[in-house]
Amino acid sequence: ADDYIVKPFILEELVARMKALLRRPKQSLPVELKIG
């Protein structure tokens, strides 16, 4: 596993941990995206 959260949890913590994991994909994805 990449991370864990202990029950009971609050939604804000769950979302924060999700976002932290989603910022660490196999290939780095930039926060700012641009075309034209």
Full PDB file with SEQRES, HELIX, SHEET, SSBOND, CRYST1, ORIGX, SCALE, CONECT and MASTER records, all heavy atoms in Angstrom:
SEQRES   1 A   36  ALA ASP ASP TYR ILE VAL LYS PRO PHE ILE LEU GLU GLU          
SEQRES   2 A   36  LEU VAL ALA ARG MET LYS ALA LEU LEU ARG ARG PRO LYS          
SEQRES   3 A   36  GLN SER LEU PRO VAL GLU LEU LYS ILE GLY                      
HELIX    1 AA1 LEU A   11  LEU A   22  1                                  12    
CRYST1    1.000    1.000    1.000  90.00  90.00  90.00 P 1           1          
ORIGX1      1.000000  0.000000  0.000000        0.00000                         
ORIGX2      0.000000  1.000000  0.000000        0.00000                         
ORIGX3      0.000000  0.000000  1.000000        0.00000                         
SCALE1      1.000000  0.000000  0.000000        0.00000                         
SCALE2      0.000000  1.000000  0.000000        0.00000                         
SCALE3      0.000000  0.000000  1.000000        0.00000                         
ATOM      1  N   ALA A   1       0.842  -1.199   0.000  1.00  0.00           N  
ATOM      2  CA  ALA A   1       0.000   0.000   0.000  1.00  0.00           C  
ATOM      3  C   ALA A   1       0.878   1.251   0.000  1.00  0.00           C  
ATOM      4  O   ALA A   1       2.031   1.217   0.436  1.00  0.00           O  
ATOM      5  CB  ALA A   1      -0.916   0.007   1.217  1.00  0.00           C  
ATOM      6  N   ASP A   2       0.310   2.344  -0.496  1.00  0.00           N  
ATOM      7  CA  ASP A   2       1.049   3.600  -0.558  1.00  0.00           C  
ATOM      8  C   ASP A   2       0.811   4.491   0.653  1.00  0.00           C  
ATOM      9  O   ASP A   2       1.659   5.311   1.006  1.00  0.00           O  
ATOM     10  CB  ASP A   2       0.665   4.359  -1.830  1.00  0.00           C  
ATOM     11  CG  ASP A   2       1.045   3.592  -3.082  1.00  0.00           C  
ATOM     12  OD1 ASP A   2       2.195   3.705  -3.520  1.00  0.00           O  
ATOM     13  OD2 ASP A   2       0.190   2.852  -3.605  1.00  0.00           O  
ATOM     14  N   ASP A   3      -0.342   4.343   1.276  1.00  0.00           N  
ATOM     15  CA  ASP A   3      -0.670   5.150   2.454  1.00  0.00           C  
ATOM     16  C   ASP A   3      -1.852   4.497   3.149  1.00  0.00           C  
ATOM     17  O   ASP A   3      -2.455   3.543   2.642  1.00  0.00           O  
ATOM     18  CB  ASP A   3      -1.013   6.585   2.046  1.00  0.00           C  
ATOM     19  CG  ASP A   3      -0.944   7.573   3.213  1.00  0.00           C  
ATOM     20  OD1 ASP A   3      -0.585   7.151   4.337  1.00  0.00           O  
ATOM     21  OD2 ASP A   3      -1.256   8.757   2.999  1.00  0.00           O  
ATOM     22  N   TYR A   4      -2.182   4.984   4.322  1.00  0.00           N  
ATOM     23  CA  TYR A   4      -3.312   4.438   5.074  1.00  0.00           C  
ATOM     24  C   TYR A   4      -3.995   5.576   5.832  1.00  0.00           C  
ATOM     25  O   TYR A   4      -3.422   6.644   6.059  1.00  0.00           O  
ATOM     26  CB  TYR A   4      -2.827   3.374   6.076  1.00  0.00           C  
ATOM     27  CG  TYR A   4      -1.842   3.913   7.080  1.00  0.00           C  
ATOM     28  CD1 TYR A   4      -2.256   4.516   8.267  1.00  0.00           C  
ATOM     29  CD2 TYR A   4      -0.480   3.850   6.821  1.00  0.00           C  
ATOM     30  CE1 TYR A   4      -1.349   5.045   9.165  1.00  0.00           C  
ATOM     31  CE2 TYR A   4       0.445   4.373   7.708  1.00  0.00           C  
ATOM     32  CZ  TYR A   4       0.004   4.970   8.879  1.00  0.00           C  
ATOM     33  OH  TYR A   4       0.912   5.507   9.765  1.00  0.00           O  
ATOM     34  N   ILE A   5      -5.235   5.321   6.222  1.00  0.00           N  
ATOM     35  CA  ILE A   5      -5.982   6.254   7.049  1.00  0.00           C  
ATOM     36  C   ILE A   5      -6.788   5.427   8.041  1.00  0.00           C  
ATOM     37  O   ILE A   5      -7.315   4.366   7.698  1.00  0.00           O  
ATOM     38  CB  ILE A   5      -6.891   7.178   6.195  1.00  0.00           C  
ATOM     39  CG1 ILE A   5      -7.549   8.250   7.057  1.00  0.00           C  
ATOM     40  CG2 ILE A   5      -7.935   6.379   5.434  1.00  0.00           C  
ATOM     41  CD1 ILE A   5      -8.252   9.325   6.230  1.00  0.00           C  
ATOM     42  N   VAL A   6      -6.824   5.882   9.284  1.00  0.00           N  
ATOM     43  CA  VAL A   6      -7.456   5.122  10.361  1.00  0.00           C  
ATOM     44  C   VAL A   6      -8.921   5.523  10.493  1.00  0.00           C  
ATOM     45  O   VAL A   6      -9.258   6.705  10.496  1.00  0.00           O  
ATOM     46  CB  VAL A   6      -6.704   5.349  11.688  1.00  0.00           C  
ATOM     47  CG1 VAL A   6      -7.395   4.598  12.828  1.00  0.00           C  
ATOM     48  CG2 VAL A   6      -5.253   4.896  11.570  1.00  0.00           C  
ATOM     49  N   LYS A   7      -9.790   4.506  10.576  1.00  0.00           N  
ATOM     50  CA  LYS A   7     -11.209   4.746  10.841  1.00  0.00           C  
ATOM     51  C   LYS A   7     -11.417   5.034  12.319  1.00  0.00           C  
ATOM     52  O   LYS A   7     -10.730   4.443  13.162  1.00  0.00           O  
ATOM     53  CB  LYS A   7     -12.043   3.520  10.459  1.00  0.00           C  
ATOM     54  CG  LYS A   7     -12.066   3.151   8.995  1.00  0.00           C  
ATOM     55  CD  LYS A   7     -12.924   1.892   8.826  1.00  0.00           C  
ATOM     56  CE  LYS A   7     -13.074   1.472   7.402  1.00  0.00           C  
ATOM     57  NZ  LYS A   7     -13.908   0.260   7.264  1.00  0.00           N  
ATOM     58  N   PRO A   8     -12.398   5.850  12.662  1.00  0.00           N  
ATOM     59  CA  PRO A   8     -13.188   6.714  11.771  1.00  0.00           C  
ATOM     60  C   PRO A   8     -12.348   7.891  11.289  1.00  0.00           C  
ATOM     61  O   PRO A   8     -11.456   8.354  11.996  1.00  0.00           O  
ATOM     62  CB  PRO A   8     -14.339   7.172  12.654  1.00  0.00           C  
ATOM     63  CG  PRO A   8     -13.766   7.163  14.033  1.00  0.00           C  
ATOM     64  CD  PRO A   8     -12.795   6.017  14.075  1.00  0.00           C  
ATOM     65  N   PHE A   9     -12.620   8.355  10.094  1.00  0.00           N  
ATOM     66  CA  PHE A   9     -11.847   9.444   9.511  1.00  0.00           C  
ATOM     67  C   PHE A   9     -12.802  10.552   9.082  1.00  0.00           C  
ATOM     68  O   PHE A   9     -14.010  10.331   8.937  1.00  0.00           O  
ATOM     69  CB  PHE A   9     -11.039   8.959   8.309  1.00  0.00           C  
ATOM     70  CG  PHE A   9     -11.875   8.268   7.269  1.00  0.00           C  
ATOM     71  CD1 PHE A   9     -12.567   8.987   6.292  1.00  0.00           C  
ATOM     72  CD2 PHE A   9     -11.980   6.881   7.259  1.00  0.00           C  
ATOM     73  CE1 PHE A   9     -13.339   8.351   5.347  1.00  0.00           C  
ATOM     74  CE2 PHE A   9     -12.749   6.232   6.302  1.00  0.00           C  
ATOM     75  CZ  PHE A   9     -13.432   6.964   5.351  1.00  0.00           C  
ATOM     76  N   ILE A  10     -12.250  11.733   8.888  1.00  0.00           N  
ATOM     77  CA  ILE A  10     -13.053  12.832   8.355  1.00  0.00           C  
ATOM     78  C   ILE A  10     -12.752  12.959   6.872  1.00  0.00           C  
ATOM     79  O   ILE A  10     -11.645  12.635   6.411  1.00  0.00           O  
ATOM     80  CB  ILE A  10     -12.798  14.169   9.084  1.00  0.00           C  
ATOM     81  CG1 ILE A  10     -11.331  14.584   8.958  1.00  0.00           C  
ATOM     82  CG2 ILE A  10     -13.203  14.074  10.538  1.00  0.00           C  
ATOM     83  CD1 ILE A  10     -11.058  15.973   9.511  1.00  0.00           C  
ATOM     84  N   LEU A  11     -13.736  13.394   6.116  1.00  0.00           N  
ATOM     85  CA  LEU A  11     -13.613  13.443   4.670  1.00  0.00           C  
ATOM     86  C   LEU A  11     -12.425  14.295   4.236  1.00  0.00           C  
ATOM     87  O   LEU A  11     -11.712  13.935   3.290  1.00  0.00           O  
ATOM     88  CB  LEU A  11     -14.899  13.989   4.048  1.00  0.00           C  
ATOM     89  CG  LEU A  11     -14.880  14.068   2.515  1.00  0.00           C  
ATOM     90  CD1 LEU A  11     -14.854  12.667   1.909  1.00  0.00           C  
ATOM     91  CD2 LEU A  11     -16.080  14.860   2.009  1.00  0.00           C  
ATOM     92  N   GLU A  12     -12.192  15.408   4.917  1.00  0.00           N  
ATOM     93  CA  GLU A  12     -11.118  16.315   4.520  1.00  0.00           C  
ATOM     94  C   GLU A  12      -9.752  15.613   4.559  1.00  0.00           C  
ATOM     95  O   GLU A  12      -8.906  15.826   3.691  1.00  0.00           O  
ATOM     96  CB  GLU A  12     -11.102  17.552   5.417  1.00  0.00           C  
ATOM     97  CG  GLU A  12     -12.253  18.515   5.186  1.00  0.00           C  
ATOM     98  CD  GLU A  12     -13.560  18.072   5.835  1.00  0.00           C  
ATOM     99  OE1 GLU A  12     -13.543  17.048   6.566  1.00  0.00           O  
ATOM    100  OE2 GLU A  12     -14.587  18.738   5.628  1.00  0.00           O  
ATOM    101  N   GLU A  13      -9.542  14.761   5.577  1.00  0.00           N  
ATOM    102  CA  GLU A  13      -8.270  14.043   5.649  1.00  0.00           C  
ATOM    103  C   GLU A  13      -8.168  13.011   4.531  1.00  0.00           C  
ATOM    104  O   GLU A  13      -7.108  12.846   3.914  1.00  0.00           O  
ATOM    105  CB  GLU A  13      -8.102  13.351   6.999  1.00  0.00           C  
ATOM    106  CG  GLU A  13      -6.758  12.625   7.114  1.00  0.00           C  
ATOM    107  CD  GLU A  13      -6.573  11.874   8.413  1.00  0.00           C  
ATOM    108  OE1 GLU A  13      -7.521  11.848   9.242  1.00  0.00           O  
ATOM    109  OE2 GLU A  13      -5.481  11.302   8.603  1.00  0.00           O  
ATOM    110  N   LEU A  14      -9.271  12.313   4.260  1.00  0.00           N  
ATOM    111  CA  LEU A  14      -9.274  11.331   3.182  1.00  0.00           C  
ATOM    112  C   LEU A  14      -8.921  11.990   1.859  1.00  0.00           C  
ATOM    113  O   LEU A  14      -8.068  11.500   1.105  1.00  0.00           O  
ATOM    114  CB  LEU A  14     -10.644  10.653   3.088  1.00  0.00           C  
ATOM    115  CG  LEU A  14     -10.819   9.655   1.936  1.00  0.00           C  
ATOM    116  CD1 LEU A  14      -9.881   8.469   2.092  1.00  0.00           C  
ATOM    117  CD2 LEU A  14     -12.275   9.188   1.846  1.00  0.00           C  
ATOM    118  N   VAL A  15      -9.551  13.121   1.571  1.00  0.00           N  
ATOM    119  CA  VAL A  15      -9.310  13.815   0.308  1.00  0.00           C  
ATOM    120  C   VAL A  15      -7.864  14.319   0.243  1.00  0.00           C  
ATOM    121  O   VAL A  15      -7.208  14.225  -0.806  1.00  0.00           O  
ATOM    122  CB  VAL A  15     -10.298  14.986   0.133  1.00  0.00           C  
ATOM    123  CG1 VAL A  15      -9.910  15.857  -1.061  1.00  0.00           C  
ATOM    124  CG2 VAL A  15     -11.717  14.460  -0.046  1.00  0.00           C  
ATOM    125  N   ALA A  16      -7.342  14.827   1.361  1.00  0.00           N  
ATOM    126  CA  ALA A  16      -5.961  15.309   1.384  1.00  0.00           C  
ATOM    127  C   ALA A  16      -4.979  14.188   1.080  1.00  0.00           C  
ATOM    128  O   ALA A  16      -4.013  14.365   0.315  1.00  0.00           O  
ATOM    129  CB  ALA A  16      -5.650  15.933   2.744  1.00  0.00           C  
ATOM    130  N   ARG A  17      -5.217  13.015   1.654  1.00  0.00           N  
ATOM    131  CA  ARG A  17      -4.328  11.875   1.402  1.00  0.00           C  
ATOM    132  C   ARG A  17      -4.476  11.378  -0.034  1.00  0.00           C  
ATOM    133  O   ARG A  17      -3.495  10.977  -0.670  1.00  0.00           O  
ATOM    134  CB  ARG A  17      -4.602  10.758   2.400  1.00  0.00           C  
ATOM    135  CG  ARG A  17      -4.165  11.105   3.823  1.00  0.00           C  
ATOM    136  CD  ARG A  17      -4.399   9.949   4.781  1.00  0.00           C  
ATOM    137  NE  ARG A  17      -3.981  10.281   6.120  1.00  0.00           N  
ATOM    138  CZ  ARG A  17      -2.747  10.118   6.590  1.00  0.00           C  
ATOM    139  NH1 ARG A  17      -1.802   9.619   5.788  1.00  0.00           N  
ATOM    140  NH2 ARG A  17      -2.435  10.427   7.823  1.00  0.00           N  
ATOM    141  N   MET A  18      -5.700  11.402  -0.563  1.00  0.00           N  
ATOM    142  CA  MET A  18      -5.913  11.033  -1.961  1.00  0.00           C  
ATOM    143  C   MET A  18      -5.135  11.962  -2.882  1.00  0.00           C  
ATOM    144  O   MET A  18      -4.444  11.510  -3.805  1.00  0.00           O  
ATOM    145  CB  MET A  18      -7.402  11.102  -2.298  1.00  0.00           C  
ATOM    146  CG  MET A  18      -8.235   9.979  -1.712  1.00  0.00           C  
ATOM    147  SD  MET A  18     -10.013  10.285  -1.918  1.00  0.00           S  
ATOM    148  CE  MET A  18     -10.132  10.668  -3.662  1.00  0.00           C  
ATOM    149  N   LYS A  19      -5.244  13.258  -2.638  1.00  0.00           N  
ATOM    150  CA  LYS A  19      -4.568  14.234  -3.493  1.00  0.00           C  
ATOM    151  C   LYS A  19      -3.057  14.057  -3.431  1.00  0.00           C  
ATOM    152  O   LYS A  19      -2.358  14.202  -4.446  1.00  0.00           O  
ATOM    153  CB  LYS A  19      -4.959  15.649  -3.091  1.00  0.00           C  
ATOM    154  CG  LYS A  19      -6.385  16.027  -3.469  1.00  0.00           C  
ATOM    155  CD  LYS A  19      -6.707  17.449  -3.061  1.00  0.00           C  
ATOM    156  CE  LYS A  19      -8.098  17.849  -3.524  1.00  0.00           C  
ATOM    157  NZ  LYS A  19      -8.447  19.232  -3.096  1.00  0.00           N  
ATOM    158  N   ALA A  20      -2.552  13.743  -2.241  1.00  0.00           N  
ATOM    159  CA  ALA A  20      -1.108  13.526  -2.099  1.00  0.00           C  
ATOM    160  C   ALA A  20      -0.657  12.338  -2.943  1.00  0.00           C  
ATOM    161  O   ALA A  20       0.392  12.392  -3.609  1.00  0.00           O  
ATOM    162  CB  ALA A  20      -0.748  13.300  -0.628  1.00  0.00           C  
ATOM    163  N   LEU A  21      -1.450  11.267  -2.944  1.00  0.00           N  
ATOM    164  CA  LEU A  21      -1.105  10.092  -3.745  1.00  0.00           C  
ATOM    165  C   LEU A  21      -1.243  10.376  -5.233  1.00  0.00           C  
ATOM    166  O   LEU A  21      -0.434   9.913  -6.046  1.00  0.00           O  
ATOM    167  CB  LEU A  21      -1.984   8.905  -3.356  1.00  0.00           C  
ATOM    168  CG  LEU A  21      -1.715   8.302  -1.974  1.00  0.00           C  
ATOM    169  CD1 LEU A  21      -2.683   7.149  -1.701  1.00  0.00           C  
ATOM    170  CD2 LEU A  21      -0.280   7.817  -1.861  1.00  0.00           C  
ATOM    171  N   LEU A  22      -2.274  11.119  -5.604  1.00  0.00           N  
ATOM    172  CA  LEU A  22      -2.499  11.411  -7.018  1.00  0.00           C  
ATOM    173  C   LEU A  22      -1.454  12.372  -7.579  1.00  0.00           C  
ATOM    174  O   LEU A  22      -1.315  12.485  -8.791  1.00  0.00           O  
ATOM    175  CB  LEU A  22      -3.909  11.979  -7.219  1.00  0.00           C  
ATOM    176  CG  LEU A  22      -5.035  10.976  -6.988  1.00  0.00           C  
ATOM    177  CD1 LEU A  22      -6.385  11.670  -6.948  1.00  0.00           C  
ATOM    178  CD2 LEU A  22      -5.028   9.894  -8.058  1.00  0.00           C  
ATOM    179  N   ARG A  23      -0.739  13.046  -6.682  1.00  0.00           N  
ATOM    180  CA  ARG A  23       0.358  13.895  -7.135  1.00  0.00           C  
ATOM    181  C   ARG A  23       1.636  13.095  -7.357  1.00  0.00           C  
ATOM    182  O   ARG A  23       2.640  13.633  -7.796  1.00  0.00           O  
ATOM    183  CB  ARG A  23       0.638  15.009  -6.110  1.00  0.00           C  
ATOM    184  CG  ARG A  23      -0.390  16.118  -6.098  1.00  0.00           C  
ATOM    185  CD  ARG A  23       0.139  17.335  -5.366  1.00  0.00           C  
ATOM    186  NE  ARG A  23       0.400  17.086  -3.961  1.00  0.00           N  
ATOM    187  CZ  ARG A  23      -0.484  17.300  -2.984  1.00  0.00           C  
ATOM    188  NH1 ARG A  23      -1.678  17.758  -3.276  1.00  0.00           N  
ATOM    189  NH2 ARG A  23      -0.165  17.053  -1.728  1.00  0.00           N  
ATOM    190  N   ARG A  24       1.584  11.788  -7.055  1.00  0.00           N  
ATOM    191  CA  ARG A  24       2.778  10.970  -7.169  1.00  0.00           C  
ATOM    192  C   ARG A  24       2.571   9.824  -8.159  1.00  0.00           C  
ATOM    193  O   ARG A  24       2.756   8.663  -7.828  1.00  0.00           O  
ATOM    194  CB  ARG A  24       3.155  10.373  -5.814  1.00  0.00           C  
ATOM    195  CG  ARG A  24       3.455  11.409  -4.760  1.00  0.00           C  
ATOM    196  CD  ARG A  24       3.972  10.778  -3.482  1.00  0.00           C  
ATOM    197  NE  ARG A  24       3.337   9.507  -3.154  1.00  0.00           N  
ATOM    198  CZ  ARG A  24       3.217   9.048  -1.910  1.00  0.00           C  
ATOM    199  NH1 ARG A  24       3.652   9.747  -0.888  1.00  0.00           N  
ATOM    200  NH2 ARG A  24       2.651   7.885  -1.700  1.00  0.00           N  
ATOM    201  N   PRO A  25       2.131  10.125  -9.394  1.00  0.00           N  
ATOM    202  CA  PRO A  25       1.954   9.049 -10.365  1.00  0.00           C  
ATOM    203  C   PRO A  25       3.299   8.538 -10.854  1.00  0.00           C  
ATOM    204  O   PRO A  25       4.340   9.093 -10.537  1.00  0.00           O  
ATOM    205  CB  PRO A  25       1.175   9.717 -11.506  1.00  0.00           C  
ATOM    206  CG  PRO A  25       1.589  11.143 -11.421  1.00  0.00           C  
ATOM    207  CD  PRO A  25       1.807  11.435  -9.954  1.00  0.00           C  
ATOM    208  N   LYS A  26       3.257   7.461 -11.642  1.00  0.00           N  
ATOM    209  CA  LYS A  26       4.492   6.876 -12.165  1.00  0.00           C  
ATOM    210  C   LYS A  26       5.254   7.892 -13.001  1.00  0.00           C  
ATOM    211  O   LYS A  26       6.469   7.947 -12.981  1.00  0.00           O  
ATOM    212  CB  LYS A  26       4.165   5.637 -13.010  1.00  0.00           C  
ATOM    213  CG  LYS A  26       3.592   4.492 -12.205  1.00  0.00           C  
ATOM    214  CD  LYS A  26       3.096   3.391 -13.096  1.00  0.00           C  
ATOM    215  CE  LYS A  26       4.249   2.719 -13.831  1.00  0.00           C  
ATOM    216  NZ  LYS A  26       3.781   1.578 -14.635  1.00  0.00           N  
ATOM    217  N   GLN A  27       4.531   8.695 -13.751  1.00  0.00           N  
ATOM    218  CA  GLN A  27       5.153   9.763 -14.509  1.00  0.00           C  
ATOM    219  C   GLN A  27       4.657  11.079 -13.937  1.00  0.00           C  
ATOM    220  O   GLN A  27       3.464  11.254 -13.712  1.00  0.00           O  
ATOM    221  CB  GLN A  27       4.795   9.676 -15.990  1.00  0.00           C  
ATOM    222  CG  GLN A  27       5.331   8.427 -16.671  1.00  0.00           C  
ATOM    223  CD  GLN A  27       4.964   8.388 -18.129  1.00  0.00           C  
ATOM    224  OE1 GLN A  27       4.085   9.133 -18.570  1.00  0.00           O  
ATOM    225  NE2 GLN A  27       5.632   7.543 -18.879  1.00  0.00           N  
ATOM    226  N   SER A  28       5.585  11.986 -13.670  1.00  0.00           N  
ATOM    227  CA  SER A  28       5.221  13.249 -13.044  1.00  0.00           C  
ATOM    228  C   SER A  28       4.267  14.035 -13.940  1.00  0.00           C  
ATOM    229  O   SER A  28       4.532  14.247 -15.126  1.00  0.00           O  
ATOM    230  CB  SER A  28       6.482  14.081 -12.776  1.00  0.00           C  
ATOM    231  OG  SER A  28       6.144  15.311 -12.187  1.00  0.00           O  
ATOM    232  N   LEU A  29       3.155  14.437 -13.378  1.00  0.00           N  
ATOM    233  CA  LEU A  29       2.165  15.218 -14.117  1.00  0.00           C  
ATOM    234  C   LEU A  29       2.159  16.643 -13.584  1.00  0.00           C  
ATOM    235  O   LEU A  29       2.023  16.855 -12.375  1.00  0.00           O  
ATOM    236  CB  LEU A  29       0.773  14.609 -13.963  1.00  0.00           C  
ATOM    237  CG  LEU A  29       0.598  13.191 -14.512  1.00  0.00           C  
ATOM    238  CD1 LEU A  29      -0.811  12.703 -14.229  1.00  0.00           C  
ATOM    239  CD2 LEU A  29       0.902  13.131 -15.987  1.00  0.00           C  
ATOM    240  N   PRO A  30       2.302  17.640 -14.431  1.00  0.00           N  
ATOM    241  CA  PRO A  30       2.352  19.016 -13.958  1.00  0.00           C  
ATOM    242  C   PRO A  30       1.004  19.490 -13.427  1.00  0.00           C  
ATOM    243  O   PRO A  30      -0.046  19.014 -13.849  1.00  0.00           O  
ATOM    244  CB  PRO A  30       2.743  19.800 -15.220  1.00  0.00           C  
ATOM    245  CG  PRO A  30       2.255  18.958 -16.355  1.00  0.00           C  
ATOM    246  CD  PRO A  30       2.419  17.537 -15.903  1.00  0.00           C  
ATOM    247  N   VAL A  31       1.061  20.440 -12.500  1.00  0.00           N  
ATOM    248  CA  VAL A  31      -0.158  21.028 -11.951  1.00  0.00           C  
ATOM    249  C   VAL A  31      -0.794  21.968 -12.973  1.00  0.00           C  
ATOM    250  O   VAL A  31      -2.000  22.025 -13.107  1.00  0.00           O  
ATOM    251  CB  VAL A  31       0.145  21.770 -10.634  1.00  0.00           C  
ATOM    252  CG1 VAL A  31      -1.062  22.593 -10.182  1.00  0.00           C  
ATOM    253  CG2 VAL A  31       0.550  20.787  -9.547  1.00  0.00           C  
ATOM    254  N   GLU A  32       0.043  22.710 -13.688  1.00  0.00           N  
ATOM    255  CA  GLU A  32      -0.464  23.639 -14.698  1.00  0.00           C  
ATOM    256  C   GLU A  32      -0.358  22.999 -16.079  1.00  0.00           C  
ATOM    257  O   GLU A  32       0.717  22.565 -16.493  1.00  0.00           O  
ATOM    258  CB  GLU A  32       0.300  24.961 -14.672  1.00  0.00           C  
ATOM    259  CG  GLU A  32      -0.294  25.998 -15.624  1.00  0.00           C  
ATOM    260  CD  GLU A  32       0.285  27.377 -15.445  1.00  0.00           C  
ATOM    261  OE1 GLU A  32      -0.136  28.093 -14.531  1.00  0.00           O  
ATOM    262  OE2 GLU A  32       1.183  27.741 -16.231  1.00  0.00           O  
ATOM    263  N   LEU A  33      -1.485  22.940 -16.756  1.00  0.00           N  
ATOM    264  CA  LEU A  33      -1.562  22.349 -18.088  1.00  0.00           C  
ATOM    265  C   LEU A  33      -1.915  23.447 -19.081  1.00  0.00           C  
ATOM    266  O   LEU A  33      -2.723  24.325 -18.792  1.00  0.00           O  
ATOM    267  CB  LEU A  33      -2.625  21.247 -18.121  1.00  0.00           C  
ATOM    268  CG  LEU A  33      -2.497  20.162 -17.046  1.00  0.00           C  
ATOM    269  CD1 LEU A  33      -3.724  19.264 -17.057  1.00  0.00           C  
ATOM    270  CD2 LEU A  33      -1.238  19.354 -17.262  1.00  0.00           C  
ATOM    271  N   LYS A  34      -1.323  23.373 -20.268  1.00  0.00           N  
ATOM    272  CA  LYS A  34      -1.537  24.453 -21.230  1.00  0.00           C  
ATOM    273  C   LYS A  34      -1.520  23.927 -22.651  1.00  0.00           C  
ATOM    274  O   LYS A  34      -0.727  23.052 -22.998  1.00  0.00           O  
ATOM    275  CB  LYS A  34      -0.452  25.527 -21.072  1.00  0.00           C  
ATOM    276  CG  LYS A  34      -0.676  26.773 -21.925  1.00  0.00           C  
ATOM    277  CD  LYS A  34       0.303  27.865 -21.556  1.00  0.00           C  
ATOM    278  CE  LYS A  34       0.036  29.131 -22.364  1.00  0.00           C  
ATOM    279  NZ  LYS A  34       0.940  30.239 -22.008  1.00  0.00           N  
ATOM    280  N   ILE A  35      -2.428  24.456 -23.467  1.00  0.00           N  
ATOM    281  CA  ILE A  35      -2.393  24.238 -24.905  1.00  0.00           C  
ATOM    282  C   ILE A  35      -2.873  25.532 -25.562  1.00  0.00           C  
ATOM    283  O   ILE A  35      -3.934  26.064 -25.218  1.00  0.00           O  
ATOM    284  CB  ILE A  35      -3.256  23.034 -25.339  1.00  0.00           C  
ATOM    285  CG1 ILE A  35      -3.141  22.822 -26.846  1.00  0.00           C  
ATOM    286  CG2 ILE A  35      -4.693  23.174 -24.891  1.00  0.00           C  
ATOM    287  CD1 ILE A  35      -3.710  21.503 -27.340  1.00  0.00           C  
ATOM    288  N   GLY A  36      -2.060  26.055 -26.491  1.00  0.00           N  
ATOM    289  CA  GLY A  36      -2.380  27.359 -27.052  1.00  0.00           C  
ATOM    290  C   GLY A  36      -2.451  28.389 -25.942  1.00  0.00           C  
ATOM    291  O   GLY A  36      -1.569  28.458 -25.073  1.00  0.00           O  
TER     292      GLY A  36                                                      
MASTER        0    0    0    1    0    0    0    6  291    1    0    3          
END                                                                             
